[in-house]
Amino acid sequence: MSRYRNFSLFLGFVLFTCGFTLTHAEEVYTAIPSPYEPTPFRFTNENWLILPHPKIASFIVHPDGNASGITETGITFAQYNIPNAYGVRIQRFEIQDHYHYIIDGVDVYTITDLAIRLAQISAG
């Protein structure tokens, strides 16, 4: 079962994102000399849907199911699993100043949309 969960996590990365940042790990990544070309912008919630997304260079899945990594342009990213009472898989993706949620494979970009989606799920 764990093997399939890790595959699902990987598939989520490939299909729904190109990278997200782990702000707590930026200190770790900045300590490593970067062979990457810097991007001329920072990702924000306002520009995420209109800017090109960098490819993932590498990532790791942590024992708790969360993931972090770095893009080919040197930007760190993260995915956090969010425990909930709805019995659905909710994840938060972060890259630089941008974040969004994924609920059962559907991208959700605002807290209001997250609440609506959870209400739809709970209503059946």
PDB file of N, CA and C in Angstrom:
ATOM      1  N   MET A   1       0.834  -1.198   0.000  1.00  0.00           N
ATOM      2  CA  MET A   1       0.000   0.000   0.000  1.00  0.00           C
ATOM      3  C   MET A   1       0.868   1.248   0.000  1.00  0.00           C
ATOM      4  N   SER A   2       1.947   1.245   0.778  1.00  0.00           N
ATOM      5  CA  SER A   2       2.839   2.393   0.840  1.00  0.00           C
ATOM      6  C   SER A   2       3.473   2.662  -0.523  1.00  0.00           C
ATOM      7  N   ARG A   3       3.792   1.606  -1.259  1.00  0.00           N
ATOM      8  CA  ARG A   3       4.391   1.757  -2.576  1.00  0.00           C
ATOM      9  C   ARG A   3       3.437   2.504  -3.504  1.00  0.00           C
ATOM     10  N   TYR A   4       2.151   2.189  -3.439  1.00  0.00           N
ATOM     11  CA  TYR A   4       1.180   2.849  -4.290  1.00  0.00           C
ATOM     12  C   TYR A   4       0.960   4.299  -3.873  1.00  0.00           C
ATOM     13  N   ARG A   5       1.038   4.558  -2.581  1.00  0.00           N
ATOM     14  CA  ARG A   5       0.896   5.925  -2.092  1.00  0.00           C
ATOM     15  C   ARG A   5       2.046   6.778  -2.608  1.00  0.00           C
ATOM     16  N   ASN A   6       3.261   6.240  -2.592  1.00  0.00           N
ATOM     17  CA  ASN A   6       4.410   6.979  -3.101  1.00  0.00           C
ATOM     18  C   ASN A   6       4.288   7.205  -4.604  1.00  0.00           C
ATOM     19  N   PHE A   7       3.792   6.227  -5.338  1.00  0.00           N
ATOM     20  CA  PHE A   7       3.584   6.401  -6.772  1.00  0.00           C
ATOM     21  C   PHE A   7       2.539   7.476  -7.027  1.00  0.00           C
ATOM     22  N   SER A   8       1.470   7.461  -6.251  1.00  0.00           N
ATOM     23  CA  SER A   8       0.430   8.467  -6.383  1.00  0.00           C
ATOM     24  C   SER A   8       0.988   9.851  -6.094  1.00  0.00           C
ATOM     25  N   LEU A   9       1.847   9.946  -5.103  1.00  0.00           N
ATOM     26  CA  LEU A   9       2.489  11.211  -4.768  1.00  0.00           C
ATOM     27  C   LEU A   9       3.340  11.691  -5.932  1.00  0.00           C
ATOM     28  N   PHE A  10       4.128  10.793  -6.512  1.00  0.00           N
ATOM     29  CA  PHE A  10       4.959  11.143  -7.666  1.00  0.00           C
ATOM     30  C   PHE A  10       4.095  11.578  -8.841  1.00  0.00           C
ATOM     31  N   LEU A  11       3.033  10.844  -9.096  1.00  0.00           N
ATOM     32  CA  LEU A  11       2.144  11.172 -10.196  1.00  0.00           C
ATOM     33  C   LEU A  11       1.511  12.545  -9.993  1.00  0.00           C
ATOM     34  N   GLY A  12       1.173  12.854  -8.757  1.00  0.00           N
ATOM     35  CA  GLY A  12       0.632  14.175  -8.453  1.00  0.00           C
ATOM     36  C   GLY A  12       1.607  15.275  -8.818  1.00  0.00           C
ATOM     37  N   PHE A  13       2.872  15.043  -8.531  1.00  0.00           N
ATOM     38  CA  PHE A  13       3.891  16.022  -8.904  1.00  0.00           C
ATOM     39  C   PHE A  13       3.961  16.189 -10.413  1.00  0.00           C
ATOM     40  N   VAL A  14       4.006  15.087 -11.115  1.00  0.00           N
ATOM     41  CA  VAL A  14       4.183  15.148 -12.564  1.00  0.00           C
ATOM     42  C   VAL A  14       2.985  15.773 -13.252  1.00  0.00           C
ATOM     43  N   LEU A  15       1.789  15.382 -12.852  1.00  0.00           N
ATOM     44  CA  LEU A  15       0.599  15.830 -13.558  1.00  0.00           C
ATOM     45  C   LEU A  15       0.113  17.216 -13.168  1.00  0.00           C
ATOM     46  N   PHE A  16       0.285  17.602 -11.942  1.00  0.00           N
ATOM     47  CA  PHE A  16      -0.366  18.823 -11.478  1.00  0.00           C
ATOM     48  C   PHE A  16       0.571  19.981 -11.172  1.00  0.00           C
ATOM     49  N   THR A  17       1.862  19.731 -11.106  1.00  0.00           N
ATOM     50  CA  THR A  17       2.766  20.829 -10.772  1.00  0.00           C
ATOM     51  C   THR A  17       4.091  20.655 -11.461  1.00  0.00           C
ATOM     52  N   CYS A  18       4.827  21.703 -11.482  1.00  0.00           N
ATOM     53  CA  CYS A  18       6.204  21.645 -11.961  1.00  0.00           C
ATOM     54  C   CYS A  18       7.169  22.017 -10.856  1.00  0.00           C
ATOM     55  N   GLY A  19       6.664  22.387  -9.722  1.00  0.00           N
ATOM     56  CA  GLY A  19       7.555  22.673  -8.621  1.00  0.00           C
ATOM     57  C   GLY A  19       6.905  23.531  -7.568  1.00  0.00           C
ATOM     58  N   PHE A  20       7.298  23.312  -6.329  1.00  0.00           N
ATOM     59  CA  PHE A  20       6.774  24.085  -5.214  1.00  0.00           C
ATOM     60  C   PHE A  20       7.841  24.219  -4.156  1.00  0.00           C
ATOM     61  N   THR A  21       7.805  25.277  -3.401  1.00  0.00           N
ATOM     62  CA  THR A  21       8.909  25.585  -2.491  1.00  0.00           C
ATOM     63  C   THR A  21       8.663  25.150  -1.058  1.00  0.00           C
ATOM     64  N   LEU A  22       9.682  24.715  -0.437  1.00  0.00           N
ATOM     65  CA  LEU A  22       9.658  24.409   0.985  1.00  0.00           C
ATOM     66  C   LEU A  22      10.413  25.529   1.671  1.00  0.00           C
ATOM     67  N   THR A  23       9.677  26.470   2.238  1.00  0.00           N
ATOM     68  CA  THR A  23      10.333  27.652   2.787  1.00  0.00           C
ATOM     69  C   THR A  23      11.264  27.292   3.934  1.00  0.00           C
ATOM     70  N   HIS A  24      10.945  26.256   4.680  1.00  0.00           N
ATOM     71  CA  HIS A  24      11.802  25.868   5.789  1.00  0.00           C
ATOM     72  C   HIS A  24      13.112  25.259   5.305  1.00  0.00           C
ATOM     73  N   ALA A  25      13.123  24.743   4.112  1.00  0.00           N
ATOM     74  CA  ALA A  25      14.331  24.091   3.595  1.00  0.00           C
ATOM     75  C   ALA A  25      15.178  25.024   2.741  1.00  0.00           C
ATOM     76  N   GLU A  26      14.722  26.267   2.531  1.00  0.00           N
ATOM     77  CA  GLU A  26      15.505  27.164   1.689  1.00  0.00           C
ATOM     78  C   GLU A  26      16.892  27.396   2.258  1.00  0.00           C
ATOM     79  N   GLU A  27      17.007  27.403   3.591  1.00  0.00           N
ATOM     80  CA  GLU A  27      18.320  27.573   4.197  1.00  0.00           C
ATOM     81  C   GLU A  27      19.241  26.413   3.807  1.00  0.00           C
ATOM     82  N   VAL A  28      18.683  25.216   3.734  1.00  0.00           N
ATOM     83  CA  VAL A  28      19.471  24.047   3.353  1.00  0.00           C
ATOM     84  C   VAL A  28      19.938  24.168   1.914  1.00  0.00           C
ATOM     85  N   TYR A  29      19.002  24.500   1.019  1.00  0.00           N
ATOM     86  CA  TYR A  29      19.351  24.585  -0.391  1.00  0.00           C
ATOM     87  C   TYR A  29      20.267  25.767  -0.701  1.00  0.00           C
ATOM     88  N   THR A  30      20.135  26.879   0.027  1.00  0.00           N
ATOM     89  CA  THR A  30      20.992  28.022  -0.256  1.00  0.00           C
ATOM     90  C   THR A  30      22.412  27.784   0.219  1.00  0.00           C
ATOM     91  N   ALA A  31      22.601  26.827   1.110  1.00  0.00           N
ATOM     92  CA  ALA A  31      23.944  26.504   1.570  1.00  0.00           C
ATOM     93  C   ALA A  31      24.715  25.695   0.529  1.00  0.00           C
ATOM     94  N   ILE A  32      24.006  25.132  -0.437  1.00  0.00           N
ATOM     95  CA  ILE A  32      24.621  24.332  -1.497  1.00  0.00           C
ATOM     96  C   ILE A  32      24.886  25.233  -2.694  1.00  0.00           C
ATOM     97  N   PRO A  33      26.104  25.258  -3.234  1.00  0.00           N
ATOM     98  CA  PRO A  33      26.339  26.075  -4.432  1.00  0.00           C
ATOM     99  C   PRO A  33      25.409  25.636  -5.559  1.00  0.00           C
ATOM    100  N   SER A  34      24.740  26.582  -6.187  1.00  0.00           N
ATOM    101  CA  SER A  34      23.732  26.254  -7.183  1.00  0.00           C
ATOM    102  C   SER A  34      24.286  26.295  -8.604  1.00  0.00           C
ATOM    103  N   PRO A  35      24.145  25.189  -9.348  1.00  0.00           N
ATOM    104  CA  PRO A  35      24.533  25.190 -10.759  1.00  0.00           C
ATOM    105  C   PRO A  35      23.407  25.714 -11.655  1.00  0.00           C
ATOM    106  N   TYR A  36      22.296  26.133 -11.040  1.00  0.00           N
ATOM    107  CA  TYR A  36      21.103  26.502 -11.788  1.00  0.00           C
ATOM    108  C   TYR A  36      21.114  27.975 -12.168  1.00  0.00           C
ATOM    109  N   GLU A  37      20.440  28.268 -13.261  1.00  0.00           N
ATOM    110  CA  GLU A  37      20.242  29.651 -13.686  1.00  0.00           C
ATOM    111  C   GLU A  37      19.079  30.231 -12.876  1.00  0.00           C
ATOM    112  N   PRO A  38      19.254  31.393 -12.279  1.00  0.00           N
ATOM    113  CA  PRO A  38      18.153  31.976 -11.503  1.00  0.00           C
ATOM    114  C   PRO A  38      17.028  32.448 -12.428  1.00  0.00           C
ATOM    115  N   THR A  39      15.814  32.438 -11.911  1.00  0.00           N
ATOM    116  CA  THR A  39      14.680  32.941 -12.679  1.00  0.00           C
ATOM    117  C   THR A  39      14.579  34.451 -12.449  1.00  0.00           C
ATOM    118  N   PRO A  40      14.106  35.200 -13.430  1.00  0.00           N
ATOM    119  CA  PRO A  40      14.024  36.659 -13.292  1.00  0.00           C
ATOM    120  C   PRO A  40      12.772  37.123 -12.536  1.00  0.00           C
ATOM    121  N   PHE A  41      12.049  36.216 -11.901  1.00  0.00           N
ATOM    122  CA  PHE A  41      10.807  36.556 -11.218  1.00  0.00           C
ATOM    123  C   PHE A  41      10.617  35.618 -10.033  1.00  0.00           C
ATOM    124  N   ARG A  42       9.655  35.947  -9.182  1.00  0.00           N
ATOM    125  CA  ARG A  42       9.240  35.058  -8.095  1.00  0.00           C
ATOM    126  C   ARG A  42       7.805  34.640  -8.365  1.00  0.00           C
ATOM    127  N   PHE A  43       7.501  33.377  -8.099  1.00  0.00           N
ATOM    128  CA  PHE A  43       6.135  32.899  -8.249  1.00  0.00           C
ATOM    129  C   PHE A  43       5.281  33.461  -7.115  1.00  0.00           C
ATOM    130  N   THR A  44       4.103  33.953  -7.469  1.00  0.00           N
ATOM    131  CA  THR A  44       3.123  34.435  -6.498  1.00  0.00           C
ATOM    132  C   THR A  44       1.772  33.836  -6.857  1.00  0.00           C
ATOM    133  N   ASN A  45       0.790  34.024  -6.004  1.00  0.00           N
ATOM    134  CA  ASN A  45      -0.556  33.539  -6.319  1.00  0.00           C
ATOM    135  C   ASN A  45      -1.129  34.287  -7.518  1.00  0.00           C
ATOM    136  N   GLU A  46      -0.673  35.508  -7.758  1.00  0.00           N
ATOM    137  CA  GLU A  46      -1.182  36.306  -8.870  1.00  0.00           C
ATOM    138  C   GLU A  46      -0.595  35.872 -10.216  1.00  0.00           C
ATOM    139  N   ASN A  47       0.652  35.397 -10.243  1.00  0.00           N
ATOM    140  CA  ASN A  47       1.268  35.087 -11.541  1.00  0.00           C
ATOM    141  C   ASN A  47       1.445  33.590 -11.819  1.00  0.00           C
ATOM    142  N   TRP A  48       1.072  32.733 -10.895  1.00  0.00           N
ATOM    143  CA  TRP A  48       1.304  31.299 -11.030  1.00  0.00           C
ATOM    144  C   TRP A  48       0.693  30.709 -12.306  1.00  0.00           C
ATOM    145  N   LEU A  49      -0.498  31.122 -12.654  1.00  0.00           N
ATOM    146  CA  LEU A  49      -1.193  30.537 -13.806  1.00  0.00           C
ATOM    147  C   LEU A  49      -0.729  31.107 -15.141  1.00  0.00           C
ATOM    148  N   ILE A  50       0.042  32.191 -15.141  1.00  0.00           N
ATOM    149  CA  ILE A  50       0.444  32.803 -16.409  1.00  0.00           C
ATOM    150  C   ILE A  50       1.936  32.657 -16.714  1.00  0.00           C
ATOM    151  N   LEU A  51       2.747  32.274 -15.736  1.00  0.00           N
ATOM    152  CA  LEU A  51       4.180  32.113 -15.963  1.00  0.00           C
ATOM    153  C   LEU A  51       4.518  30.664 -16.305  1.00  0.00           C
ATOM    154  N   PRO A  52       5.580  30.462 -17.072  1.00  0.00           N
ATOM    155  CA  PRO A  52       6.015  29.080 -17.330  1.00  0.00           C
ATOM    156  C   PRO A  52       6.568  28.463 -16.051  1.00  0.00           C
ATOM    157  N   HIS A  53       6.310  27.192 -15.858  1.00  0.00           N
ATOM    158  CA  HIS A  53       6.766  26.496 -14.655  1.00  0.00           C
ATOM    159  C   HIS A  53       8.047  25.729 -14.960  1.00  0.00           C
ATOM    160  N   PRO A  54       9.040  25.842 -14.090  1.00  0.00           N
ATOM    161  CA  PRO A  54      10.293  25.115 -14.325  1.00  0.00           C
ATOM    162  C   PRO A  54      10.111  23.620 -14.094  1.00  0.00           C
ATOM    163  N   LYS A  55      10.968  22.836 -14.727  1.00  0.00           N
ATOM    164  CA  LYS A  55      10.923  21.383 -14.552  1.00  0.00           C
ATOM    165  C   LYS A  55      11.562  20.999 -13.223  1.00  0.00           C
ATOM    166  N   ILE A  56      11.122  19.869 -12.688  1.00  0.00           N
ATOM    167  CA  ILE A  56      11.682  19.352 -11.437  1.00  0.00           C
ATOM    168  C   ILE A  56      13.043  18.736 -11.718  1.00  0.00           C
ATOM    169  N   ALA A  57      14.052  19.124 -10.935  1.00  0.00           N
ATOM    170  CA  ALA A  57      15.380  18.520 -11.048  1.00  0.00           C
ATOM    171  C   ALA A  57      15.456  17.282 -10.157  1.00  0.00           C
ATOM    172  N   SER A  58      14.968  17.405  -8.922  1.00  0.00           N
ATOM    173  CA  SER A  58      14.933  16.259  -8.008  1.00  0.00           C
ATOM    174  C   SER A  58      13.976  16.556  -6.865  1.00  0.00           C
ATOM    175  N   PHE A  59      13.480  15.498  -6.257  1.00  0.00           N
ATOM    176  CA  PHE A  59      12.651  15.643  -5.066  1.00  0.00           C
ATOM    177  C   PHE A  59      12.741  14.377  -4.244  1.00  0.00           C
ATOM    178  N   ILE A  60      12.370  14.511  -2.977  1.00  0.00           N
ATOM    179  CA  ILE A  60      12.333  13.346  -2.093  1.00  0.00           C
ATOM    180  C   ILE A  60      10.987  13.306  -1.383  1.00  0.00           C
ATOM    181  N   VAL A  61      10.547  12.110  -1.094  1.00  0.00           N
ATOM    182  CA  VAL A  61       9.346  11.901  -0.298  1.00  0.00           C
ATOM    183  C   VAL A  61       9.817  11.521   1.101  1.00  0.00           C
ATOM    184  N   HIS A  62       9.415  12.300   2.070  1.00  0.00           N
ATOM    185  CA  HIS A  62       9.821  12.075   3.456  1.00  0.00           C
ATOM    186  C   HIS A  62       8.994  10.954   4.084  1.00  0.00           C
ATOM    187  N   PRO A  63       9.477  10.355   5.169  1.00  0.00           N
ATOM    188  CA  PRO A  63       8.737   9.258   5.807  1.00  0.00           C
ATOM    189  C   PRO A  63       7.309   9.631   6.213  1.00  0.00           C
ATOM    190  N   ASP A  64       7.057  10.905   6.501  1.00  0.00           N
ATOM    191  CA  ASP A  64       5.702  11.312   6.891  1.00  0.00           C
ATOM    192  C   ASP A  64       4.775  11.540   5.695  1.00  0.00           C
ATOM    193  N   GLY A  65       5.281  11.311   4.462  1.00  0.00           N
ATOM    194  CA  GLY A  65       4.461  11.459   3.273  1.00  0.00           C
ATOM    195  C   GLY A  65       4.553  12.824   2.618  1.00  0.00           C
ATOM    196  N   ASN A  66       5.170  13.793   3.296  1.00  0.00           N
ATOM    197  CA  ASN A  66       5.394  15.098   2.684  1.00  0.00           C
ATOM    198  C   ASN A  66       6.558  14.981   1.713  1.00  0.00           C
ATOM    199  N   ALA A  67       6.696  15.956   0.831  1.00  0.00           N
ATOM    200  CA  ALA A  67       7.765  15.907  -0.166  1.00  0.00           C
ATOM    201  C   ALA A  67       8.390  17.284  -0.318  1.00  0.00           C
ATOM    202  N   SER A  68       9.650  17.295  -0.757  1.00  0.00           N
ATOM    203  CA  SER A  68      10.327  18.550  -1.056  1.00  0.00           C
ATOM    204  C   SER A  68      11.342  18.293  -2.147  1.00  0.00           C
ATOM    205  N   GLY A  69      11.736  19.359  -2.818  1.00  0.00           N
ATOM    206  CA  GLY A  69      12.709  19.198  -3.886  1.00  0.00           C
ATOM    207  C   GLY A  69      13.161  20.519  -4.440  1.00  0.00           C
ATOM    208  N   ILE A  70      13.770  20.447  -5.625  1.00  0.00           N
ATOM    209  CA  ILE A  70      14.315  21.623  -6.279  1.00  0.00           C
ATOM    210  C   ILE A  70      14.057  21.513  -7.780  1.00  0.00           C
ATOM    211  N   THR A  71      13.823  22.663  -8.410  1.00  0.00           N
ATOM    212  CA  THR A  71      13.576  22.683  -9.855  1.00  0.00           C
ATOM    213  C   THR A  71      14.893  22.853 -10.600  1.00  0.00           C
ATOM    214  N   GLU A  72      14.838  22.730 -11.916  1.00  0.00           N
ATOM    215  CA  GLU A  72      16.033  22.916 -12.733  1.00  0.00           C
ATOM    216  C   GLU A  72      16.552  24.342 -12.681  1.00  0.00           C
ATOM    217  N   THR A  73      15.717  25.285 -12.234  1.00  0.00           N
ATOM    218  CA  THR A  73      16.151  26.676 -12.099  1.00  0.00           C
ATOM    219  C   THR A  73      16.589  27.001 -10.675  1.00  0.00           C
ATOM    220  N   GLY A  74      16.640  25.995  -9.794  1.00  0.00           N
ATOM    221  CA  GLY A  74      17.139  26.188  -8.438  1.00  0.00           C
ATOM    222  C   GLY A  74      16.110  26.630  -7.423  1.00  0.00           C
ATOM    223  N   ILE A  75      14.836  26.562  -7.762  1.00  0.00           N
ATOM    224  CA  ILE A  75      13.776  26.965  -6.838  1.00  0.00           C
ATOM    225  C   ILE A  75      13.345  25.756  -6.017  1.00  0.00           C
ATOM    226  N   THR A  76      13.310  25.921  -4.700  1.00  0.00           N
ATOM    227  CA  THR A  76      12.858  24.825  -3.840  1.00  0.00           C
ATOM    228  C   THR A  76      11.327  24.797  -3.820  1.00  0.00           C
ATOM    229  N   PHE A  77      10.785  23.627  -3.548  1.00  0.00           N
ATOM    230  CA  PHE A  77       9.336  23.453  -3.497  1.00  0.00           C
ATOM    231  C   PHE A  77       8.983  22.401  -2.469  1.00  0.00           C
ATOM    232  N   ALA A  78       7.694  22.358  -2.103  1.00  0.00           N
ATOM    233  CA  ALA A  78       7.237  21.381  -1.111  1.00  0.00           C
ATOM    234  C   ALA A  78       5.788  20.999  -1.348  1.00  0.00           C
ATOM    235  N   GLN A  79       5.449  19.844  -0.833  1.00  0.00           N
ATOM    236  CA  GLN A  79       4.068  19.357  -0.812  1.00  0.00           C
ATOM    237  C   GLN A  79       3.813  18.853   0.590  1.00  0.00           C
ATOM    238  N   TYR A  80       2.757  19.351   1.206  1.00  0.00           N
ATOM    239  CA  TYR A  80       2.382  18.922   2.544  1.00  0.00           C
ATOM    240  C   TYR A  80       1.032  18.223   2.485  1.00  0.00           C
ATOM    241  N   ASN A  81       0.911  17.090   3.149  1.00  0.00           N
ATOM    242  CA  ASN A  81      -0.391  16.442   3.301  1.00  0.00           C
ATOM    243  C   ASN A  81      -1.109  17.120   4.450  1.00  0.00           C
ATOM    244  N   ILE A  82      -2.384  17.389   4.275  1.00  0.00           N
ATOM    245  CA  ILE A  82      -3.177  18.056   5.308  1.00  0.00           C
ATOM    246  C   ILE A  82      -4.185  17.065   5.870  1.00  0.00           C
ATOM    247  N   PRO A  83      -4.025  16.683   7.146  1.00  0.00           N
ATOM    248  CA  PRO A  83      -5.003  15.779   7.780  1.00  0.00           C
ATOM    249  C   PRO A  83      -6.375  16.461   7.825  1.00  0.00           C
ATOM    250  N   ASN A  84      -7.421  15.680   7.638  1.00  0.00           N
ATOM    251  CA  ASN A  84      -8.763  16.260   7.660  1.00  0.00           C
ATOM    252  C   ASN A  84      -9.772  15.204   8.065  1.00  0.00           C
ATOM    253  N   ALA A  85     -10.967  15.669   8.406  1.00  0.00           N
ATOM    254  CA  ALA A  85     -12.041  14.779   8.851  1.00  0.00           C
ATOM    255  C   ALA A  85     -12.923  14.317   7.698  1.00  0.00           C
ATOM    256  N   TYR A  86     -12.620  14.738   6.476  1.00  0.00           N
ATOM    257  CA  TYR A  86     -13.465  14.413   5.330  1.00  0.00           C
ATOM    258  C   TYR A  86     -13.098  13.093   4.674  1.00  0.00           C
ATOM    259  N   GLY A  87     -11.958  12.537   5.041  1.00  0.00           N
ATOM    260  CA  GLY A  87     -11.543  11.273   4.452  1.00  0.00           C
ATOM    261  C   GLY A  87     -11.047  11.401   3.027  1.00  0.00           C
ATOM    262  N   VAL A  88     -10.622  12.595   2.631  1.00  0.00           N
ATOM    263  CA  VAL A  88     -10.096  12.820   1.291  1.00  0.00           C
ATOM    264  C   VAL A  88      -8.647  13.269   1.391  1.00  0.00           C
ATOM    265  N   ARG A  89      -7.934  13.086   0.312  1.00  0.00           N
ATOM    266  CA  ARG A  89      -6.538  13.495   0.273  1.00  0.00           C
ATOM    267  C   ARG A  89      -6.462  14.987  -0.065  1.00  0.00           C
ATOM    268  N   ILE A  90      -5.927  15.770   0.863  1.00  0.00           N
ATOM    269  CA  ILE A  90      -5.729  17.198   0.648  1.00  0.00           C
ATOM    270  C   ILE A  90      -4.244  17.480   0.790  1.00  0.00           C
ATOM    271  N   GLN A  91      -3.698  18.214  -0.170  1.00  0.00           N
ATOM    272  CA  GLN A  91      -2.282  18.569  -0.142  1.00  0.00           C
ATOM    273  C   GLN A  91      -2.140  20.063  -0.375  1.00  0.00           C
ATOM    274  N   ARG A  92      -1.104  20.631   0.205  1.00  0.00           N
ATOM    275  CA  ARG A  92      -0.766  22.035  -0.048  1.00  0.00           C
ATOM    276  C   ARG A  92       0.581  22.047  -0.759  1.00  0.00           C
ATOM    277  N   PHE A  93       0.628  22.705  -1.913  1.00  0.00           N
ATOM    278  CA  PHE A  93       1.856  22.852  -2.668  1.00  0.00           C
ATOM    279  C   PHE A  93       2.367  24.281  -2.500  1.00  0.00           C
ATOM    280  N   GLU A  94       3.682  24.425  -2.354  1.00  0.00           N
ATOM    281  CA  GLU A  94       4.278  25.745  -2.178  1.00  0.00           C
ATOM    282  C   GLU A  94       5.507  25.891  -3.064  1.00  0.00           C
ATOM    283  N   ILE A  95       5.634  27.074  -3.660  1.00  0.00           N
ATOM    284  CA  ILE A  95       6.844  27.446  -4.393  1.00  0.00           C
ATOM    285  C   ILE A  95       6.998  28.957  -4.252  1.00  0.00           C
ATOM    286  N   GLN A  96       8.097  29.375  -3.703  1.00  0.00           N
ATOM    287  CA  GLN A  96       8.362  30.788  -3.438  1.00  0.00           C
ATOM    288  C   GLN A  96       7.181  31.407  -2.706  1.00  0.00           C
ATOM    289  N   ASP A  97       6.532  32.430  -3.297  1.00  0.00           N
ATOM    290  CA  ASP A  97       5.421  33.111  -2.621  1.00  0.00           C
ATOM    291  C   ASP A  97       4.052  32.570  -3.045  1.00  0.00           C
ATOM    292  N   HIS A  98       4.035  31.484  -3.795  1.00  0.00           N
ATOM    293  CA  HIS A  98       2.784  30.892  -4.270  1.00  0.00           C
ATOM    294  C   HIS A  98       2.461  29.628  -3.469  1.00  0.00           C
ATOM    295  N   TYR A  99       1.168  29.386  -3.293  1.00  0.00           N
ATOM    296  CA  TYR A  99       0.692  28.114  -2.742  1.00  0.00           C
ATOM    297  C   TYR A  99      -0.683  27.836  -3.338  1.00  0.00           C
ATOM    298  N   HIS A 100      -1.013  26.575  -3.397  1.00  0.00           N
ATOM    299  CA  HIS A 100      -2.378  26.166  -3.710  1.00  0.00           C
ATOM    300  C   HIS A 100      -2.600  24.770  -3.154  1.00  0.00           C
ATOM    301  N   TYR A 101      -3.844  24.340  -3.197  1.00  0.00           N
ATOM    302  CA  TYR A 101      -4.227  23.049  -2.643  1.00  0.00           C
ATOM    303  C   TYR A 101      -4.610  22.100  -3.766  1.00  0.00           C
ATOM    304  N   ILE A 102      -4.474  20.814  -3.478  1.00  0.00           N
ATOM    305  CA  ILE A 102      -4.932  19.762  -4.387  1.00  0.00           C
ATOM    306  C   ILE A 102      -5.863  18.864  -3.555  1.00  0.00           C
ATOM    307  N   ILE A 103      -7.076  18.693  -4.028  1.00  0.00           N
ATOM    308  CA  ILE A 103      -8.028  17.812  -3.348  1.00  0.00           C
ATOM    309  C   ILE A 103      -8.392  16.707  -4.325  1.00  0.00           C
ATOM    310  N   ASP A 104      -8.000  15.488  -3.989  1.00  0.00           N
ATOM    311  CA  ASP A 104      -8.262  14.336  -4.854  1.00  0.00           C
ATOM    312  C   ASP A 104      -7.901  14.629  -6.310  1.00  0.00           C
ATOM    313  N   GLY A 105      -6.765  15.260  -6.526  1.00  0.00           N
ATOM    314  CA  GLY A 105      -6.277  15.513  -7.868  1.00  0.00           C
ATOM    315  C   GLY A 105      -6.822  16.763  -8.547  1.00  0.00           C
ATOM    316  N   VAL A 106      -7.607  17.573  -7.840  1.00  0.00           N
ATOM    317  CA  VAL A 106      -8.176  18.799  -8.412  1.00  0.00           C
ATOM    318  C   VAL A 106      -7.468  20.003  -7.786  1.00  0.00           C
ATOM    319  N   ASP A 107      -6.913  20.889  -8.636  1.00  0.00           N
ATOM    320  CA  ASP A 107      -6.260  22.093  -8.137  1.00  0.00           C
ATOM    321  C   ASP A 107      -7.292  23.066  -7.584  1.00  0.00           C
ATOM    322  N   VAL A 108      -7.001  23.615  -6.402  1.00  0.00           N
ATOM    323  CA  VAL A 108      -7.870  24.594  -5.756  1.00  0.00           C
ATOM    324  C   VAL A 108      -6.979  25.767  -5.344  1.00  0.00           C
ATOM    325  N   TYR A 109      -7.313  26.977  -5.806  1.00  0.00           N
ATOM    326  CA  TYR A 109      -6.407  28.108  -5.647  1.00  0.00           C
ATOM    327  C   TYR A 109      -6.762  29.090  -4.543  1.00  0.00           C
ATOM    328  N   THR A 110      -7.939  29.005  -3.950  1.00  0.00           N
ATOM    329  CA  THR A 110      -8.285  29.920  -2.860  1.00  0.00           C
ATOM    330  C   THR A 110      -8.902  29.138  -1.698  1.00  0.00           C
ATOM    331  N   ILE A 111      -8.854  29.743  -0.526  1.00  0.00           N
ATOM    332  CA  ILE A 111      -9.462  29.119   0.657  1.00  0.00           C
ATOM    333  C   ILE A 111     -10.971  28.978   0.449  1.00  0.00           C
ATOM    334  N   THR A 112     -11.593  29.951  -0.196  1.00  0.00           N
ATOM    335  CA  THR A 112     -13.035  29.877  -0.470  1.00  0.00           C
ATOM    336  C   THR A 112     -13.347  28.671  -1.350  1.00  0.00           C
ATOM    337  N   ASP A 113     -12.564  28.486  -2.411  1.00  0.00           N
ATOM    338  CA  ASP A 113     -12.770  27.321  -3.279  1.00  0.00           C
ATOM    339  C   ASP A 113     -12.510  26.016  -2.537  1.00  0.00           C
ATOM    340  N   LEU A 114     -11.543  26.035  -1.620  1.00  0.00           N
ATOM    341  CA  LEU A 114     -11.267  24.857  -0.802  1.00  0.00           C
ATOM    342  C   LEU A 114     -12.484  24.515   0.050  1.00  0.00           C
ATOM    343  N   ALA A 115     -13.082  25.522   0.692  1.00  0.00           N
ATOM    344  CA  ALA A 115     -14.266  25.303   1.521  1.00  0.00           C
ATOM    345  C   ALA A 115     -15.447  24.794   0.680  1.00  0.00           C
ATOM    346  N   ILE A 116     -15.612  25.357  -0.507  1.00  0.00           N
ATOM    347  CA  ILE A 116     -16.697  24.907  -1.398  1.00  0.00           C
ATOM    348  C   ILE A 116     -16.491  23.452  -1.801  1.00  0.00           C
ATOM    349  N   ARG A 117     -15.271  23.120  -2.162  1.00  0.00           N
ATOM    350  CA  ARG A 117     -14.974  21.736  -2.597  1.00  0.00           C
ATOM    351  C   ARG A 117     -15.213  20.759  -1.440  1.00  0.00           C
ATOM    352  N   LEU A 118     -14.795  21.117  -0.231  1.00  0.00           N
ATOM    353  CA  LEU A 118     -15.010  20.237   0.922  1.00  0.00           C
ATOM    354  C   LEU A 118     -16.502  20.110   1.246  1.00  0.00           C
ATOM    355  N   ALA A 119     -17.258  21.186   1.075  1.00  0.00           N
ATOM    356  CA  ALA A 119     -18.712  21.120   1.297  1.00  0.00           C
ATOM    357  C   ALA A 119     -19.356  20.182   0.278  1.00  0.00           C
ATOM    358  N   GLN A 120     -18.887  20.248  -0.975  1.00  0.00           N
ATOM    359  CA  GLN A 120     -19.421  19.354  -2.011  1.00  0.00           C
ATOM    360  C   GLN A 120     -19.117  17.904  -1.680  1.00  0.00           C
ATOM    361  N   ILE A 121     -17.907  17.647  -1.205  1.00  0.00           N
ATOM    362  CA  ILE A 121     -17.508  16.285  -0.855  1.00  0.00           C
ATOM    363  C   ILE A 121     -18.329  15.774   0.326  1.00  0.00           C
ATOM    364  N   SER A 122     -18.515  16.616   1.352  1.00  0.00           N
ATOM    365  CA  SER A 122     -19.256  16.165   2.533  1.00  0.00           C
ATOM    366  C   SER A 122     -20.741  15.971   2.225  1.00  0.00           C
ATOM    367  N   ALA A 123     -21.261  16.714   1.241  1.00  0.00           N
ATOM    368  CA  ALA A 123     -22.674  16.563   0.873  1.00  0.00           C
ATOM    369  C   ALA A 123     -22.908  15.295   0.064  1.00  0.00           C
ATOM    370  N   GLY A 124     -21.814  14.743  -0.462  1.00  0.00           N
ATOM    371  CA  GLY A 124     -21.921  13.476  -1.200  1.00  0.00           C
ATOM    372  C   GLY A 124     -22.257  13.731  -2.598  1.00  0.00           C
TER     373      GLY A 124
END
